[in-house]
Structures are given as C-alpha cells and as structure tokens.
Amino acid sequence: MYRKELFVFDPDKKPLRAVIRSYTQADFADLIEVQRVSFPPPFPSELWWNEEQLHNHVTLFPQGALCVEVEGQVVGSMTGLRVQIDPAHPLHTWAEITDDGYIRNHDPHGDTLYIVDISVMPAFRHFGLGKLLMQSMYEVVIHTGLRRLLGGGRMSGYHRHAETMSAEQYLEKVTAGDLYDPVITFLLRCGRMPIAVVPEYLEDEESRNYAALMEWENPFLT
C-alpha cells in the first residue's frame, strides 16, 4: 500500500496537510463525487467511475489506485493498470486499453503502467495536486520495475483550432509553446513526452475524439 504525507499551500501561502495514498472500498463514494465534480458536461456522465470499476481497481492492481486528501477530504484520484504495449504501434482506444475502466485486462507481467484516469476537484487544482499524483505514480513505476508510464491525454483545446489545423499540427504548436492546452500542457509540465496522436481515442467533443499518447520512461531502465 502506498502512503505519503506532505504540505500544500493555499493562495495565502498557508500550509495545509495533504496525504497521497492507496484508495480502498471505504473511499468509493468520495471518489465517485470527485468524478462528478471534476468532469461536468459535456463529459459523458456514464464515464464517471461506478462501484464495480472501483472494486476492480483495488483488487486487480491496488498499486495503481491512488487518491489525494487535503485536510482529510478526498479531492482527487489517479488510476492505472499494467499492460504490455509497443509504443511504436500506438493505435488503440481508451475503452480497449482500459477495458472501459474495469481493467479486467490488467496484465501482472506487463511492462507499462497505463493511466486510466486522473482527476482533481476544480476548487483544489491550484494546489498542484495533479502533478503530485503524477509524481507518485512515477514512484510506483520505479518501485515495481516497469519500463514506462503511458496514457492518452485529451486535446481539450483542439476544438478551437480544428478548422485551421490538423491534430498533429495542434500538438506541435502546444509542445512548441505557441498554444496552451489545459491537459497537454499540464502533462508536459509533469515530464510526459508526446509520442503519437491517436484518433477516435475517446468520445470527446472538445478534443474531436483525438488524444496525444504521452510517455514517461523509467530513468533507471533507459
């Protein structure tokens, strides 16, 4: 089980106690509320976690089921599974690679930790909790001896530019710093590297169903 304590700072620079830890069945209601608040419409509500999915997360791969508390309140989570994947052949959908979030395809011998989901309640995003969760999952990668962390990032600002550029051109401009994308720019700041654009990754109007497949390699195995 994973657990670490640290301080985060509110806008007035007041330190608040935070805990990043493995989530358990006792957290299910809180985790579903995090999803509801973090992913409002037009995000499809049927993609919020349900209890069967959460049960699979904590039983099939508990090392990949993390949540973050601030002053005792669960305000975010991050979930992954192990898969065997060749990044040179990256085409897949979120539903295929995550088993629609049920992770029944978790491979205990897989060399890649694949991110199913990361979410932080909007009122708590200024604390940098998403980056702290990502760093914690990097620690899981190192601790378990995996080769990489991988996942698809929604290109949530692409709909504003879809009439004038391709998804690949949009990603190039974001990585060059010419455009800002709430998700992709966040992942870049977390140390993730884009390796491909994947069409029809997830039904998502803002991204026009595209995602950027983004990788973090275990620095001890490169």
Protein backbone atom coordinates (compact mmCIF):
# COMPACT_ATOMS: atom_id res chain seq x y z
CA MET A 1 0.00 0.00 0.00
CA TYR A 2 1.18 3.49 -0.85
CA ARG A 3 1.10 6.45 1.54
CA LYS A 4 3.00 9.71 1.89
CA GLU A 5 2.26 12.94 3.73
CA LEU A 6 3.24 16.40 2.58
CA PHE A 7 2.17 20.03 2.75
CA VAL A 8 0.48 22.04 0.03
CA PHE A 9 -0.09 25.77 0.11
CA ASP A 10 -3.29 27.75 -0.40
CA PRO A 11 -3.34 31.15 -2.21
CA ASP A 12 -2.49 32.90 1.08
CA LYS A 13 0.61 30.67 1.43
CA LYS A 14 -0.93 28.81 4.35
CA PRO A 15 0.39 25.23 4.55
CA LEU A 16 -2.26 22.52 4.53
CA ARG A 17 -1.63 18.86 5.25
CA ALA A 18 -2.12 16.52 2.31
CA VAL A 19 -1.88 12.75 2.01
CA ILE A 20 -1.42 10.70 -1.15
CA ARG A 21 -2.34 7.08 -0.51
CA SER A 22 -3.86 3.94 -1.94
CA TYR A 23 -7.62 4.17 -2.07
CA THR A 24 -9.88 1.45 -0.65
CA GLN A 25 -13.52 0.44 -0.70
CA ALA A 26 -14.21 2.94 2.08
CA ASP A 27 -13.36 5.74 -0.39
CA PHE A 28 -15.72 4.72 -3.19
CA ALA A 29 -18.46 7.29 -2.53
CA ASP A 30 -15.90 10.08 -2.23
CA LEU A 31 -14.17 9.00 -5.46
CA ILE A 32 -17.44 9.00 -7.40
CA GLU A 33 -18.12 12.52 -6.11
CA VAL A 34 -14.66 13.61 -7.24
CA GLN A 35 -15.51 12.34 -10.72
CA ARG A 36 -18.87 14.11 -10.79
CA VAL A 37 -17.36 17.44 -9.82
CA SER A 38 -14.22 17.09 -11.94
CA PHE A 39 -15.90 16.08 -15.20
CA PRO A 40 -19.09 18.10 -15.73
CA PRO A 41 -20.98 18.09 -19.05
CA PRO A 42 -20.23 17.83 -21.94
CA PHE A 43 -18.11 15.00 -20.47
CA PRO A 44 -20.33 11.87 -20.58
CA SER A 45 -21.60 11.02 -17.11
CA GLU A 46 -21.54 7.32 -17.94
CA LEU A 47 -17.73 7.55 -17.90
CA TRP A 48 -17.67 8.51 -14.22
CA TRP A 49 -16.50 5.66 -12.01
CA ASN A 50 -19.00 3.16 -10.71
CA GLU A 51 -18.51 0.85 -7.74
CA GLU A 52 -17.77 -2.24 -9.85
CA GLN A 53 -14.94 -0.44 -11.62
CA LEU A 54 -13.53 0.87 -8.35
CA HIS A 55 -13.72 -2.61 -6.82
CA ASN A 56 -11.65 -3.94 -9.72
CA HIS A 57 -9.09 -1.17 -9.28
CA VAL A 58 -8.42 -2.00 -5.63
CA THR A 59 -8.42 -5.78 -6.13
CA LEU A 60 -6.69 -6.28 -9.52
CA PHE A 61 -3.98 -3.63 -9.20
CA PRO A 62 -4.11 -1.77 -5.88
CA GLN A 63 -0.66 -0.24 -6.52
CA GLY A 64 -2.24 1.73 -9.35
CA ALA A 65 -5.15 3.10 -7.31
CA LEU A 66 -4.15 6.37 -5.63
CA CYS A 67 -6.10 9.23 -4.09
CA VAL A 68 -5.16 12.54 -2.51
CA GLU A 69 -6.64 14.11 0.61
CA VAL A 70 -6.37 17.71 1.74
CA GLU A 71 -7.11 18.24 5.41
CA GLY A 72 -8.81 14.84 5.46
CA GLN A 73 -11.06 15.36 2.40
CA VAL A 74 -10.58 13.18 -0.68
CA VAL A 75 -10.27 15.68 -3.53
CA GLY A 76 -8.56 13.76 -6.33
CA SER A 77 -7.52 10.37 -7.64
CA MET A 78 -5.37 8.64 -10.22
CA THR A 79 -5.74 5.11 -11.51
CA GLY A 80 -3.61 2.85 -13.69
CA LEU A 81 -3.16 -0.74 -14.80
CA ARG A 82 -0.30 -2.79 -16.17
CA VAL A 83 -0.29 -3.64 -19.87
CA GLN A 84 2.12 -4.94 -22.45
CA ILE A 85 2.26 -2.41 -25.25
CA ASP A 86 4.56 -1.43 -28.08
CA PRO A 87 4.66 2.39 -28.30
CA ALA A 88 5.82 2.05 -31.90
CA HIS A 89 2.33 0.73 -32.72
CA PRO A 90 0.23 3.09 -30.63
CA LEU A 91 -3.24 2.98 -32.14
CA HIS A 92 -5.87 1.98 -29.60
CA THR A 93 -8.89 3.46 -27.87
CA TRP A 94 -9.30 4.30 -24.22
CA ALA A 95 -12.04 1.66 -23.98
CA GLU A 96 -9.82 -1.05 -25.48
CA ILE A 97 -6.72 -0.41 -23.38
CA THR A 98 -8.57 0.07 -20.07
CA ASP A 99 -11.43 -2.41 -20.57
CA ASP A 100 -13.85 0.54 -20.32
CA GLY A 101 -12.28 1.39 -16.97
CA TYR A 102 -12.93 -2.06 -15.48
CA ILE A 103 -9.24 -3.10 -16.01
CA ARG A 104 -10.09 -6.81 -16.22
CA ASN A 105 -7.33 -6.94 -18.85
CA HIS A 106 -4.71 -5.97 -16.24
CA ASP A 107 -1.53 -7.92 -17.01
CA PRO A 108 0.55 -8.53 -13.86
CA HIS A 109 3.54 -9.14 -16.14
CA GLY A 110 3.05 -6.05 -18.30
CA ASP A 111 5.97 -3.66 -18.59
CA THR A 112 3.90 -0.48 -18.87
CA LEU A 113 1.78 1.35 -16.32
CA TYR A 114 -1.09 2.76 -18.34
CA ILE A 115 -3.04 5.68 -16.89
CA VAL A 116 -6.76 5.09 -16.84
CA ASP A 117 -7.75 8.40 -15.26
CA ILE A 118 -6.58 11.40 -13.26
CA SER A 119 -8.96 13.87 -11.67
CA VAL A 120 -8.82 16.69 -9.13
CA MET A 121 -11.79 18.74 -7.96
CA PRO A 122 -11.64 22.21 -9.58
CA ALA A 123 -11.62 24.02 -6.23
CA PHE A 124 -8.36 22.25 -5.34
CA ARG A 125 -6.46 22.46 -8.62
CA HIS A 126 -4.36 25.45 -7.58
CA PHE A 127 -2.54 23.25 -5.04
CA GLY A 128 -0.64 21.33 -7.74
CA LEU A 129 -2.23 18.04 -6.68
CA GLY A 130 -2.38 16.64 -10.21
CA LYS A 131 1.37 16.94 -10.59
CA LEU A 132 1.91 15.41 -7.14
CA LEU A 133 -0.31 12.46 -8.07
CA MET A 134 1.63 12.01 -11.32
CA GLN A 135 4.93 12.05 -9.45
CA SER A 136 3.56 9.44 -7.07
CA MET A 137 2.64 7.20 -9.99
CA TYR A 138 6.17 7.61 -11.35
CA GLU A 139 7.33 6.26 -8.00
CA VAL A 140 5.06 3.25 -8.50
CA VAL A 141 6.67 2.68 -11.91
CA ILE A 142 10.15 2.72 -10.38
CA HIS A 143 9.18 0.63 -7.35
CA THR A 144 7.61 -2.09 -9.50
CA GLY A 145 10.41 -2.03 -12.08
CA LEU A 146 8.24 -1.09 -15.04
CA ARG A 147 9.65 0.37 -18.22
CA ARG A 148 7.32 3.31 -18.64
CA LEU A 149 4.18 5.18 -17.73
CA LEU A 150 1.89 5.79 -20.69
CA GLY A 151 -1.50 7.31 -21.29
CA GLY A 152 -3.65 9.30 -23.66
CA GLY A 153 -4.10 12.99 -22.94
CA ARG A 154 -7.27 14.73 -24.07
CA MET A 155 -6.52 17.56 -26.50
CA SER A 156 -9.17 19.65 -24.84
CA GLY A 157 -8.41 22.90 -26.64
CA TYR A 158 -8.31 21.41 -30.12
CA HIS A 159 -11.94 22.25 -30.94
CA ARG A 160 -10.97 25.93 -31.14
CA HIS A 161 -8.45 25.20 -33.91
CA ALA A 162 -9.84 22.13 -35.67
CA GLU A 163 -10.97 24.12 -38.72
CA THR A 164 -7.50 25.52 -39.37
CA MET A 165 -5.04 22.77 -38.43
CA SER A 166 -4.71 19.02 -38.03
CA ALA A 167 -4.50 17.38 -34.63
CA GLU A 168 -0.80 16.71 -35.26
CA GLN A 169 -0.18 20.38 -36.06
CA TYR A 170 -2.07 21.40 -32.94
CA LEU A 171 0.07 19.12 -30.77
CA GLU A 172 3.24 20.52 -32.35
CA LYS A 173 2.15 24.08 -31.52
CA VAL A 174 1.33 23.12 -27.94
CA THR A 175 4.69 21.43 -27.43
CA ALA A 176 6.42 24.44 -29.01
CA GLY A 177 4.66 26.74 -26.55
CA ASP A 178 2.72 28.59 -29.25
CA LEU A 179 -0.60 27.30 -27.92
CA TYR A 180 -1.80 26.32 -24.46
CA ASP A 181 -3.87 23.20 -23.89
CA PRO A 182 -5.19 22.57 -20.35
CA VAL A 183 -4.46 18.84 -20.44
CA ILE A 184 -1.47 18.50 -22.75
CA THR A 185 0.41 21.45 -21.27
CA PHE A 186 -0.19 20.02 -17.79
CA LEU A 187 1.22 16.65 -18.86
CA LEU A 188 4.26 18.32 -20.41
CA ARG A 189 4.89 20.11 -17.12
CA CYS A 190 4.72 16.73 -15.39
CA GLY A 191 7.53 15.39 -17.57
CA ARG A 192 5.44 13.41 -20.05
CA MET A 193 6.63 13.24 -23.67
CA PRO A 194 4.24 13.02 -26.65
CA ILE A 195 4.88 10.07 -28.94
CA ALA A 196 1.77 9.94 -31.17
CA VAL A 197 -1.63 11.40 -31.94
CA VAL A 198 -4.38 8.80 -31.63
CA PRO A 199 -7.70 9.32 -33.48
CA GLU A 200 -11.02 8.11 -32.08
CA TYR A 201 -9.41 7.59 -28.68
CA LEU A 202 -12.36 8.73 -26.61
CA GLU A 203 -15.73 10.26 -27.40
CA ASP A 204 -14.92 13.86 -26.53
CA GLU A 205 -16.33 16.85 -28.38
CA GLU A 206 -13.65 19.27 -27.21
CA SER A 207 -10.82 17.04 -28.48
CA ARG A 208 -12.69 15.99 -31.60
CA ASN A 209 -12.03 12.46 -30.28
CA TYR A 210 -8.24 12.84 -30.59
CA ALA A 211 -5.70 12.22 -27.84
CA ALA A 212 -1.97 12.65 -27.51
CA LEU A 213 -0.28 9.45 -26.36
CA MET A 214 2.26 10.64 -23.79
CA GLU A 215 5.04 8.67 -22.12
CA TRP A 216 7.32 8.89 -19.09
CA GLU A 217 10.21 6.44 -19.21
CA ASN A 218 11.71 4.89 -16.10
CA PRO A 219 15.08 6.69 -15.91
CA PHE A 220 16.70 3.63 -14.33
CA LEU A 221 15.85 1.42 -17.31
CA THR A 222 16.50 3.68 -20.31
